[in-house]
């Protein structure tokens, strides 16, 4: 199944829902960063949620998510936009632990239970919108549930899961975001809470082959669901050799000459996708000349 998300409403428009399958996207992140199991789960959950949050945007809008806990994996950074393009990395990808007391990957231990989650939105305005909340559990999904309720004042339920194979590759990944709109009464909220509490693990449903539409149908039961839009999701990086060249040119002739004299070239690695760009002396001399 190709990665995609679906946007829907239910409870007569009083509840907005997003569901996604992100197995290939998270697999690409794991492959590029050579992340180990627990780290892949943390990074995969963050990428999955970021992709769904990006789908809430319009046009050329984009956002950056930062999960900065006090755990050994360090900060997790993800970018997403309204077109389903997402990328992300974790500072220390080679972190893994034994399963926790529930038999699950110990994401909270890897992320840490103290720190902050911040979301920076570029909405094409003069200033960016920035929201920040403290990490409350380190499990990622619960932390974003808290973020929506406290930073954006939208009561939400966020679920994201990643299943990892013994060789650290990704078996299944995906998630959902359920949001209660203004006008929903307590009865709607109580029924939603009951449905979510008894809902199976999202990653298990994806491993069993359930589509985003089927996930929502299973979640909402007999409630009428209106599916509004589907959106493909992919790991897409904005880096390129041209961008790196521009950055090197911006250093000035003196710095470029120093690279030539001391290192006989230059190498740049993109944090987000781990792509390596090589520049030999001839490349650098050309860049130096265009900077005159």
C-alpha atoms as a PDB file:
ATOM      1  CA  UNK A   1       0.000   0.000   0.000  1.00  0.00           C
ATOM      2  CA  UNK A   2       1.371   3.386  -1.005  1.00  0.00           C
ATOM      3  CA  UNK A   3       1.611   5.994   1.733  1.00  0.00           C
ATOM      4  CA  UNK A   4      -1.255   8.458   1.882  1.00  0.00           C
ATOM      5  CA  UNK A   5      -3.630  10.179   4.268  1.00  0.00           C
ATOM      6  CA  UNK A   6      -7.329  10.848   4.192  1.00  0.00           C
ATOM      7  CA  UNK A   7      -9.189  13.901   5.500  1.00  0.00           C
ATOM      8  CA  UNK A   8     -12.700  13.298   6.799  1.00  0.00           C
ATOM      9  CA  UNK A   9     -15.484  14.592   9.029  1.00  0.00           C
ATOM     10  CA  UNK A  10     -18.003  12.736  11.127  1.00  0.00           C
ATOM     11  CA  UNK A  11     -20.628  13.387  13.806  1.00  0.00           C
ATOM     12  CA  UNK A  12     -22.398  15.731  11.344  1.00  0.00           C
ATOM     13  CA  UNK A  13     -19.268  17.826  10.846  1.00  0.00           C
ATOM     14  CA  UNK A  14     -18.545  18.271  14.549  1.00  0.00           C
ATOM     15  CA  UNK A  15     -15.462  16.043  14.398  1.00  0.00           C
ATOM     16  CA  UNK A  16     -12.567  16.382  11.965  1.00  0.00           C
ATOM     17  CA  UNK A  17     -10.366  13.360  11.315  1.00  0.00           C
ATOM     18  CA  UNK A  18      -7.095  12.516   9.599  1.00  0.00           C
ATOM     19  CA  UNK A  19      -5.707   9.008   9.178  1.00  0.00           C
ATOM     20  CA  UNK A  20      -2.521   7.975   7.444  1.00  0.00           C
ATOM     21  CA  UNK A  21      -0.308   5.111   6.383  1.00  0.00           C
ATOM     22  CA  UNK A  22       3.365   6.179   6.402  1.00  0.00           C
ATOM     23  CA  UNK A  23       5.263   2.889   6.251  1.00  0.00           C
ATOM     24  CA  UNK A  24       7.305   3.738   3.146  1.00  0.00           C
ATOM     25  CA  UNK A  25       8.016   7.280   4.349  1.00  0.00           C
ATOM     26  CA  UNK A  26       9.259   6.156   7.757  1.00  0.00           C
ATOM     27  CA  UNK A  27      11.225   3.344   6.085  1.00  0.00           C
ATOM     28  CA  UNK A  28      12.999   5.906   3.919  1.00  0.00           C
ATOM     29  CA  UNK A  29      13.880   7.967   6.995  1.00  0.00           C
ATOM     30  CA  UNK A  30      15.163   4.853   8.784  1.00  0.00           C
ATOM     31  CA  UNK A  31      17.257   3.851   5.785  1.00  0.00           C
ATOM     32  CA  UNK A  32      18.767   7.282   5.267  1.00  0.00           C
ATOM     33  CA  UNK A  33      19.678   7.781   8.923  1.00  0.00           C
ATOM     34  CA  UNK A  34      20.439   4.133   9.789  1.00  0.00           C
ATOM     35  CA  UNK A  35      18.331   4.594  12.912  1.00  0.00           C
ATOM     36  CA  UNK A  36      17.936   1.786  15.417  1.00  0.00           C
ATOM     37  CA  UNK A  37      14.594   0.381  16.558  1.00  0.00           C
ATOM     38  CA  UNK A  38      13.619   2.664  19.454  1.00  0.00           C
ATOM     39  CA  UNK A  39      14.928   5.737  17.668  1.00  0.00           C
ATOM     40  CA  UNK A  40      13.053   4.788  14.489  1.00  0.00           C
ATOM     41  CA  UNK A  41       9.828   4.549  16.477  1.00  0.00           C
ATOM     42  CA  UNK A  42      10.325   8.043  17.921  1.00  0.00           C
ATOM     43  CA  UNK A  43      11.347   9.549  14.585  1.00  0.00           C
ATOM     44  CA  UNK A  44       8.579   7.691  12.729  1.00  0.00           C
ATOM     45  CA  UNK A  45       5.867   8.877  15.097  1.00  0.00           C
ATOM     46  CA  UNK A  46       7.098  12.462  14.767  1.00  0.00           C
ATOM     47  CA  UNK A  47       7.244  12.293  10.953  1.00  0.00           C
ATOM     48  CA  UNK A  48       3.778  10.716  10.779  1.00  0.00           C
ATOM     49  CA  UNK A  49       2.169  13.362  12.977  1.00  0.00           C
ATOM     50  CA  UNK A  50       4.033  16.163  11.182  1.00  0.00           C
ATOM     51  CA  UNK A  51       2.746  14.935   7.812  1.00  0.00           C
ATOM     52  CA  UNK A  52      -0.850  15.044   9.074  1.00  0.00           C
ATOM     53  CA  UNK A  53      -0.310  18.494  10.590  1.00  0.00           C
ATOM     54  CA  UNK A  54       1.108  19.649   7.262  1.00  0.00           C
ATOM     55  CA  UNK A  55      -2.083  18.441   5.585  1.00  0.00           C
ATOM     56  CA  UNK A  56      -4.000  20.924   7.736  1.00  0.00           C
ATOM     57  CA  UNK A  57      -2.194  23.776   5.960  1.00  0.00           C
ATOM     58  CA  UNK A  58      -2.991  25.408   2.600  1.00  0.00           C
ATOM     59  CA  UNK A  59      -1.091  26.464  -0.494  1.00  0.00           C
ATOM     60  CA  UNK A  60       2.632  26.953   0.061  1.00  0.00           C
ATOM     61  CA  UNK A  61       2.364  26.940   3.867  1.00  0.00           C
ATOM     62  CA  UNK A  62       4.758  24.705   5.784  1.00  0.00           C
ATOM     63  CA  UNK A  63       5.736  23.845   9.334  1.00  0.00           C
ATOM     64  CA  UNK A  64       8.684  22.635  11.365  1.00  0.00           C
ATOM     65  CA  UNK A  65       8.242  20.394  14.393  1.00  0.00           C
ATOM     66  CA  UNK A  66      10.891  20.109  17.103  1.00  0.00           C
ATOM     67  CA  UNK A  67      10.753  17.478  19.843  1.00  0.00           C
ATOM     68  CA  UNK A  68      13.484  18.474  22.279  1.00  0.00           C
ATOM     69  CA  UNK A  69      13.550  16.083  25.221  1.00  0.00           C
ATOM     70  CA  UNK A  70      16.238  15.218  27.740  1.00  0.00           C
ATOM     71  CA  UNK A  71      16.654  11.651  26.467  1.00  0.00           C
ATOM     72  CA  UNK A  72      19.718  10.214  24.705  1.00  0.00           C
ATOM     73  CA  UNK A  73      18.403  10.526  21.136  1.00  0.00           C
ATOM     74  CA  UNK A  74      18.503  14.328  21.371  1.00  0.00           C
ATOM     75  CA  UNK A  75      16.221  16.637  19.396  1.00  0.00           C
ATOM     76  CA  UNK A  76      13.967  15.299  16.631  1.00  0.00           C
ATOM     77  CA  UNK A  77      13.277  17.727  13.782  1.00  0.00           C
ATOM     78  CA  UNK A  78      10.652  17.314  11.057  1.00  0.00           C
ATOM     79  CA  UNK A  79       9.437  19.560   8.220  1.00  0.00           C
ATOM     80  CA  UNK A  80       6.117  19.124   6.416  1.00  0.00           C
ATOM     81  CA  UNK A  81       3.930  21.011   3.951  1.00  0.00           C
ATOM     82  CA  UNK A  82       0.389  20.957   2.593  1.00  0.00           C
ATOM     83  CA  UNK A  83       1.366  18.671  -0.312  1.00  0.00           C
ATOM     84  CA  UNK A  84       2.185  15.636   1.827  1.00  0.00           C
ATOM     85  CA  UNK A  85       5.945  16.154   1.609  1.00  0.00           C
ATOM     86  CA  UNK A  86       7.752  15.494   4.875  1.00  0.00           C
ATOM     87  CA  UNK A  87      11.321  15.009   6.022  1.00  0.00           C
ATOM     88  CA  UNK A  88      12.939  14.510   9.391  1.00  0.00           C
ATOM     89  CA  UNK A  89      15.975  13.486  11.368  1.00  0.00           C
ATOM     90  CA  UNK A  90      17.023  12.623  14.892  1.00  0.00           C
ATOM     91  CA  UNK A  91      20.243  13.883  16.438  1.00  0.00           C
ATOM     92  CA  UNK A  92      21.487  10.511  17.720  1.00  0.00           C
ATOM     93  CA  UNK A  93      20.023   7.717  15.556  1.00  0.00           C
ATOM     94  CA  UNK A  94      21.982   4.859  17.164  1.00  0.00           C
ATOM     95  CA  UNK A  95      20.001   4.520  20.397  1.00  0.00           C
ATOM     96  CA  UNK A  96      18.020   1.419  21.349  1.00  0.00           C
ATOM     97  CA  UNK A  97      16.731  -0.203  24.542  1.00  0.00           C
ATOM     98  CA  UNK A  98      15.073  -3.347  25.769  1.00  0.00           C
ATOM     99  CA  UNK A  99      11.276  -3.336  25.526  1.00  0.00           C
ATOM    100  CA  UNK A 100       9.460  -1.521  28.341  1.00  0.00           C
ATOM    101  CA  UNK A 101       7.199  -3.135  30.944  1.00  0.00           C
ATOM    102  CA  UNK A 102       4.334  -3.165  28.434  1.00  0.00           C
ATOM    103  CA  UNK A 103       6.388  -5.070  25.858  1.00  0.00           C
ATOM    104  CA  UNK A 104       6.671  -1.973  23.653  1.00  0.00           C
ATOM    105  CA  UNK A 105       9.616  -0.003  22.319  1.00  0.00           C
ATOM    106  CA  UNK A 106      10.699   2.379  25.100  1.00  0.00           C
ATOM    107  CA  UNK A 107      10.208   5.616  23.186  1.00  0.00           C
ATOM    108  CA  UNK A 108       9.734   7.705  26.345  1.00  0.00           C
ATOM    109  CA  UNK A 109      13.134   6.636  27.641  1.00  0.00           C
ATOM    110  CA  UNK A 110      14.739   7.547  24.311  1.00  0.00           C
ATOM    111  CA  UNK A 111      12.997  10.914  23.973  1.00  0.00           C
ATOM    112  CA  UNK A 112      13.002  11.856  27.645  1.00  0.00           C
ATOM    113  CA  UNK A 113      10.154  13.021  29.835  1.00  0.00           C
ATOM    114  CA  UNK A 114      11.343  16.611  30.243  1.00  0.00           C
ATOM    115  CA  UNK A 115      11.728  19.239  27.557  1.00  0.00           C
ATOM    116  CA  UNK A 116       9.527  20.904  24.956  1.00  0.00           C
ATOM    117  CA  UNK A 117       7.651  20.353  21.739  1.00  0.00           C
ATOM    118  CA  UNK A 118       7.497  23.346  19.433  1.00  0.00           C
ATOM    119  CA  UNK A 119       5.696  23.872  16.134  1.00  0.00           C
ATOM    120  CA  UNK A 120       6.784  26.706  13.848  1.00  0.00           C
ATOM    121  CA  UNK A 121       4.363  27.489  11.007  1.00  0.00           C
ATOM    122  CA  UNK A 122       5.312  29.493   7.938  1.00  0.00           C
ATOM    123  CA  UNK A 123       1.965  30.754   6.704  1.00  0.00           C
ATOM    124  CA  UNK A 124       3.403  33.231   4.209  1.00  0.00           C
ATOM    125  CA  UNK A 125       3.017  36.130   6.621  1.00  0.00           C
ATOM    126  CA  UNK A 126       5.655  38.524   7.930  1.00  0.00           C
ATOM    127  CA  UNK A 127       6.063  36.568  11.168  1.00  0.00           C
ATOM    128  CA  UNK A 128       5.970  32.844  11.823  1.00  0.00           C
ATOM    129  CA  UNK A 129       3.420  31.285  14.163  1.00  0.00           C
ATOM    130  CA  UNK A 130       5.175  29.444  16.978  1.00  0.00           C
ATOM    131  CA  UNK A 131       3.521  27.237  19.593  1.00  0.00           C
ATOM    132  CA  UNK A 132       5.369  25.443  22.366  1.00  0.00           C
ATOM    133  CA  UNK A 133       4.331  23.083  25.158  1.00  0.00           C
ATOM    134  CA  UNK A 134       6.244  20.949  27.650  1.00  0.00           C
ATOM    135  CA  UNK A 135       6.742  17.263  26.983  1.00  0.00           C
ATOM    136  CA  UNK A 136       4.355  15.368  29.252  1.00  0.00           C
ATOM    137  CA  UNK A 137       5.259  11.735  28.581  1.00  0.00           C
ATOM    138  CA  UNK A 138       7.875  11.405  25.836  1.00  0.00           C
ATOM    139  CA  UNK A 139       5.609   8.978  23.979  1.00  0.00           C
ATOM    140  CA  UNK A 140       5.086  11.578  21.193  1.00  0.00           C
ATOM    141  CA  UNK A 141       1.361  10.944  20.542  1.00  0.00           C
ATOM    142  CA  UNK A 142       0.307  12.021  24.042  1.00  0.00           C
ATOM    143  CA  UNK A 143       2.589  15.029  23.800  1.00  0.00           C
ATOM    144  CA  UNK A 144       0.968  16.213  20.565  1.00  0.00           C
ATOM    145  CA  UNK A 145      -2.483  15.635  22.037  1.00  0.00           C
ATOM    146  CA  UNK A 146      -1.404  18.032  24.789  1.00  0.00           C
ATOM    147  CA  UNK A 147       0.032  20.449  22.209  1.00  0.00           C
ATOM    148  CA  UNK A 148      -3.238  20.755  20.271  1.00  0.00           C
ATOM    149  CA  UNK A 149      -5.314  21.265  23.405  1.00  0.00           C
ATOM    150  CA  UNK A 150      -3.020  23.849  24.985  1.00  0.00           C
ATOM    151  CA  UNK A 151      -1.284  25.667  22.134  1.00  0.00           C
ATOM    152  CA  UNK A 152      -3.996  25.633  19.477  1.00  0.00           C
ATOM    153  CA  UNK A 153      -6.991  25.239  21.835  1.00  0.00           C
ATOM    154  CA  UNK A 154      -8.398  22.370  19.766  1.00  0.00           C
ATOM    155  CA  UNK A 155      -9.412  19.272  21.783  1.00  0.00           C
ATOM    156  CA  UNK A 156      -7.717  16.428  19.920  1.00  0.00           C
ATOM    157  CA  UNK A 157      -6.694  12.809  20.112  1.00  0.00           C
ATOM    158  CA  UNK A 158      -3.421  11.930  18.401  1.00  0.00           C
ATOM    159  CA  UNK A 159      -2.218   8.410  17.731  1.00  0.00           C
ATOM    160  CA  UNK A 160       0.911   7.333  15.863  1.00  0.00           C
ATOM    161  CA  UNK A 161       2.639   3.979  15.814  1.00  0.00           C
ATOM    162  CA  UNK A 162       5.635   2.279  14.245  1.00  0.00           C
ATOM    163  CA  UNK A 163       6.357  -1.452  14.189  1.00  0.00           C
ATOM    164  CA  UNK A 164      10.013  -2.419  13.694  1.00  0.00           C
ATOM    165  CA  UNK A 165      11.470  -5.668  12.347  1.00  0.00           C
ATOM    166  CA  UNK A 166      14.338  -7.451  14.156  1.00  0.00           C
ATOM    167  CA  UNK A 167      16.800  -6.049  11.582  1.00  0.00           C
ATOM    168  CA  UNK A 168      15.699  -2.455  12.480  1.00  0.00           C
ATOM    169  CA  UNK A 169      13.720  -2.028   9.236  1.00  0.00           C
ATOM    170  CA  UNK A 170      10.173  -0.649   9.409  1.00  0.00           C
ATOM    171  CA  UNK A 171       7.284  -3.107   9.232  1.00  0.00           C
ATOM    172  CA  UNK A 172       4.339  -0.712   9.558  1.00  0.00           C
ATOM    173  CA  UNK A 173       3.741   2.952  10.401  1.00  0.00           C
ATOM    174  CA  UNK A 174       0.847   5.365  10.459  1.00  0.00           C
ATOM    175  CA  UNK A 175      -1.405   7.444  12.633  1.00  0.00           C
ATOM    176  CA  UNK A 176      -4.547   9.479  13.179  1.00  0.00           C
ATOM    177  CA  UNK A 177      -5.572  12.880  14.487  1.00  0.00           C
ATOM    178  CA  UNK A 178      -9.140  13.391  15.694  1.00  0.00           C
ATOM    179  CA  UNK A 179     -10.275  16.935  16.483  1.00  0.00           C
ATOM    180  CA  UNK A 180     -13.476  18.172  18.112  1.00  0.00           C
ATOM    181  CA  UNK A 181     -14.946  21.262  16.487  1.00  0.00           C
ATOM    182  CA  UNK A 182     -16.786  24.068  18.296  1.00  0.00           C
ATOM    183  CA  UNK A 183     -20.410  23.140  18.931  1.00  0.00           C
ATOM    184  CA  UNK A 184     -19.798  19.501  19.872  1.00  0.00           C
ATOM    185  CA  UNK A 185     -21.623  18.609  23.078  1.00  0.00           C
ATOM    186  CA  UNK A 186     -20.509  16.393  25.940  1.00  0.00           C
ATOM    187  CA  UNK A 187     -22.293  13.364  24.506  1.00  0.00           C
ATOM    188  CA  UNK A 188     -20.207  13.516  21.334  1.00  0.00           C
ATOM    189  CA  UNK A 189     -17.012  13.949  23.339  1.00  0.00           C
ATOM    190  CA  UNK A 190     -17.849  11.025  25.645  1.00  0.00           C
ATOM    191  CA  UNK A 191     -18.628   8.717  22.719  1.00  0.00           C
ATOM    192  CA  UNK A 192     -15.368   9.723  21.031  1.00  0.00           C
ATOM    193  CA  UNK A 193     -13.381   9.050  24.184  1.00  0.00           C
ATOM    194  CA  UNK A 194     -14.934   5.600  24.492  1.00  0.00           C
ATOM    195  CA  UNK A 195     -14.189   4.777  20.844  1.00  0.00           C
ATOM    196  CA  UNK A 196     -10.578   5.904  21.135  1.00  0.00           C
ATOM    197  CA  UNK A 197      -9.949   4.082  24.424  1.00  0.00           C
ATOM    198  CA  UNK A 198     -11.063   0.748  22.952  1.00  0.00           C
ATOM    199  CA  UNK A 199      -9.285   1.277  19.625  1.00  0.00           C
ATOM    200  CA  UNK A 200      -6.538  -1.225  18.679  1.00  0.00           C
ATOM    201  CA  UNK A 201      -2.942  -0.109  18.180  1.00  0.00           C
ATOM    202  CA  UNK A 202      -2.766   1.886  14.951  1.00  0.00           C
ATOM    203  CA  UNK A 203       0.444   0.154  13.810  1.00  0.00           C
ATOM    204  CA  UNK A 204      -1.198  -3.260  14.244  1.00  0.00           C
ATOM    205  CA  UNK A 205      -4.112  -2.221  12.035  1.00  0.00           C
ATOM    206  CA  UNK A 206      -1.683  -1.042   9.352  1.00  0.00           C
ATOM    207  CA  UNK A 207       0.323  -4.262   9.564  1.00  0.00           C
ATOM    208  CA  UNK A 208      -2.950  -6.125   8.969  1.00  0.00           C
ATOM    209  CA  UNK A 209      -3.404  -4.134   5.747  1.00  0.00           C
ATOM    210  CA  UNK A 210      -6.061  -1.593   6.800  1.00  0.00           C
ATOM    211  CA  UNK A 211      -6.229   1.560   4.679  1.00  0.00           C
ATOM    212  CA  UNK A 212      -6.657   5.046   6.188  1.00  0.00           C
ATOM    213  CA  UNK A 213     -10.364   4.917   5.257  1.00  0.00           C
ATOM    214  CA  UNK A 214     -10.777   1.541   6.945  1.00  0.00           C
ATOM    215  CA  UNK A 215      -8.989   2.824  10.036  1.00  0.00           C
ATOM    216  CA  UNK A 216     -11.499   5.655  10.387  1.00  0.00           C
ATOM    217  CA  UNK A 217     -14.446   3.346   9.712  1.00  0.00           C
ATOM    218  CA  UNK A 218     -13.192   1.024  12.427  1.00  0.00           C
ATOM    219  CA  UNK A 219     -12.690   3.919  14.816  1.00  0.00           C
ATOM    220  CA  UNK A 220     -16.076   5.580  14.318  1.00  0.00           C
ATOM    221  CA  UNK A 221     -18.163   2.432  13.919  1.00  0.00           C
ATOM    222  CA  UNK A 222     -21.682   3.150  12.717  1.00  0.00           C
ATOM    223  CA  UNK A 223     -21.213   6.912  12.525  1.00  0.00           C
ATOM    224  CA  UNK A 224     -21.544   8.402   9.060  1.00  0.00           C
ATOM    225  CA  UNK A 225     -18.132   9.489   7.755  1.00  0.00           C
ATOM    226  CA  UNK A 226     -17.582  11.933   4.909  1.00  0.00           C
ATOM    227  CA  UNK A 227     -14.241  11.389   3.176  1.00  0.00           C
ATOM    228  CA  UNK A 228     -13.156  14.745   1.736  1.00  0.00           C
ATOM    229  CA  UNK A 229      -9.678  14.325   0.290  1.00  0.00           C
ATOM    230  CA  UNK A 230      -6.758  11.945  -0.020  1.00  0.00           C
ATOM    231  CA  UNK A 231      -3.161  13.116  -0.139  1.00  0.00           C
ATOM    232  CA  UNK A 232      -0.035  11.096  -0.980  1.00  0.00           C
ATOM    233  CA  UNK A 233       2.720  11.213   1.633  1.00  0.00           C
ATOM    234  CA  UNK A 234       6.409  10.943   0.824  1.00  0.00           C
ATOM    235  CA  UNK A 235       9.818  11.569   2.342  1.00  0.00           C
ATOM    236  CA  UNK A 236      10.947  14.567   0.294  1.00  0.00           C
ATOM    237  CA  UNK A 237      13.978  16.735   1.009  1.00  0.00           C
ATOM    238  CA  UNK A 238      14.514  20.274  -0.247  1.00  0.00           C
ATOM    239  CA  UNK A 239      18.293  20.017  -0.349  1.00  0.00           C
ATOM    240  CA  UNK A 240      20.192  20.151  -3.663  1.00  0.00           C
ATOM    241  CA  UNK A 241      23.702  20.761  -4.938  1.00  0.00           C
ATOM    242  CA  UNK A 242      22.590  24.217  -6.133  1.00  0.00           C
ATOM    243  CA  UNK A 243      21.542  25.177  -2.607  1.00  0.00           C
ATOM    244  CA  UNK A 244      24.851  24.000  -1.174  1.00  0.00           C
ATOM    245  CA  UNK A 245      26.736  25.902  -3.866  1.00  0.00           C
ATOM    246  CA  UNK A 246      24.854  29.061  -2.961  1.00  0.00           C
ATOM    247  CA  UNK A 247      25.736  28.558   0.694  1.00  0.00           C
ATOM    248  CA  UNK A 248      29.426  28.068  -0.116  1.00  0.00           C
ATOM    249  CA  UNK A 249      29.455  31.106  -2.417  1.00  0.00           C
ATOM    250  CA  UNK A 250      28.004  33.135   0.421  1.00  0.00           C
ATOM    251  CA  UNK A 251      31.061  32.391   2.551  1.00  0.00           C
ATOM    252  CA  UNK A 252      33.199  34.653   0.359  1.00  0.00           C
ATOM    253  CA  UNK A 253      36.388  34.165  -1.639  1.00  0.00           C
ATOM    254  CA  UNK A 254      38.689  34.091   1.372  1.00  0.00           C
ATOM    255  CA  UNK A 255      36.883  31.179   3.028  1.00  0.00           C
ATOM    256  CA  UNK A 256      36.595  29.279  -0.254  1.00  0.00           C
ATOM    257  CA  UNK A 257      40.333  29.690  -0.859  1.00  0.00           C
ATOM    258  CA  UNK A 258      41.001  28.365   2.619  1.00  0.00           C
ATOM    259  CA  UNK A 259      38.971  25.214   1.763  1.00  0.00           C
ATOM    260  CA  UNK A 260      41.083  24.778  -1.365  1.00  0.00           C
ATOM    261  CA  UNK A 261      44.416  25.313   0.395  1.00  0.00           C
ATOM    262  CA  UNK A 262      43.702  23.291   3.538  1.00  0.00           C
ATOM    263  CA  UNK A 263      41.278  20.560   2.462  1.00  0.00           C
ATOM    264  CA  UNK A 264      41.624  20.523  -1.349  1.00  0.00           C
ATOM    265  CA  UNK A 265      37.850  20.369  -1.564  1.00  0.00           C
ATOM    266  CA  UNK A 266      34.710  20.402   0.554  1.00  0.00           C
ATOM    267  CA  UNK A 267      31.992  18.030   1.685  1.00  0.00           C
ATOM    268  CA  UNK A 268      28.506  18.903   2.922  1.00  0.00           C
ATOM    269  CA  UNK A 269      25.911  16.538   4.395  1.00  0.00           C
ATOM    270  CA  UNK A 270      22.206  17.344   4.668  1.00  0.00           C
ATOM    271  CA  UNK A 271      20.914  16.782   8.202  1.00  0.00           C
ATOM    272  CA  UNK A 272      17.449  15.869   6.958  1.00  0.00           C
ATOM    273  CA  UNK A 273      18.245  13.237   4.347  1.00  0.00           C
ATOM    274  CA  UNK A 274      21.930  12.412   4.897  1.00  0.00           C
ATOM    275  CA  UNK A 275      22.730  13.149   1.247  1.00  0.00           C
ATOM    276  CA  UNK A 276      26.438  13.941   0.841  1.00  0.00           C
ATOM    277  CA  UNK A 277      27.622  16.598  -1.620  1.00  0.00           C
ATOM    278  CA  UNK A 278      31.259  16.620  -2.724  1.00  0.00           C
ATOM    279  CA  UNK A 279      33.151  19.604  -4.165  1.00  0.00           C
ATOM    280  CA  UNK A 280      36.662  19.315  -5.580  1.00  0.00           C
ATOM    281  CA  UNK A 281      39.122  22.162  -6.072  1.00  0.00           C
ATOM    282  CA  UNK A 282      37.782  22.932  -9.540  1.00  0.00           C
ATOM    283  CA  UNK A 283      34.216  23.167  -8.205  1.00  0.00           C
ATOM    284  CA  UNK A 284      35.312  25.535  -5.459  1.00  0.00           C
ATOM    285  CA  UNK A 285      37.312  27.723  -7.831  1.00  0.00           C
ATOM    286  CA  UNK A 286      34.224  28.109 -10.005  1.00  0.00           C
ATOM    287  CA  UNK A 287      32.213  29.148  -6.986  1.00  0.00           C
ATOM    288  CA  UNK A 288      34.896  31.574  -5.941  1.00  0.00           C
ATOM    289  CA  UNK A 289      34.900  33.182  -9.353  1.00  0.00           C
ATOM    290  CA  UNK A 290      31.117  33.671  -9.357  1.00  0.00           C
ATOM    291  CA  UNK A 291      31.432  35.439  -6.001  1.00  0.00           C
ATOM    292  CA  UNK A 292      33.650  38.213  -7.353  1.00  0.00           C
END
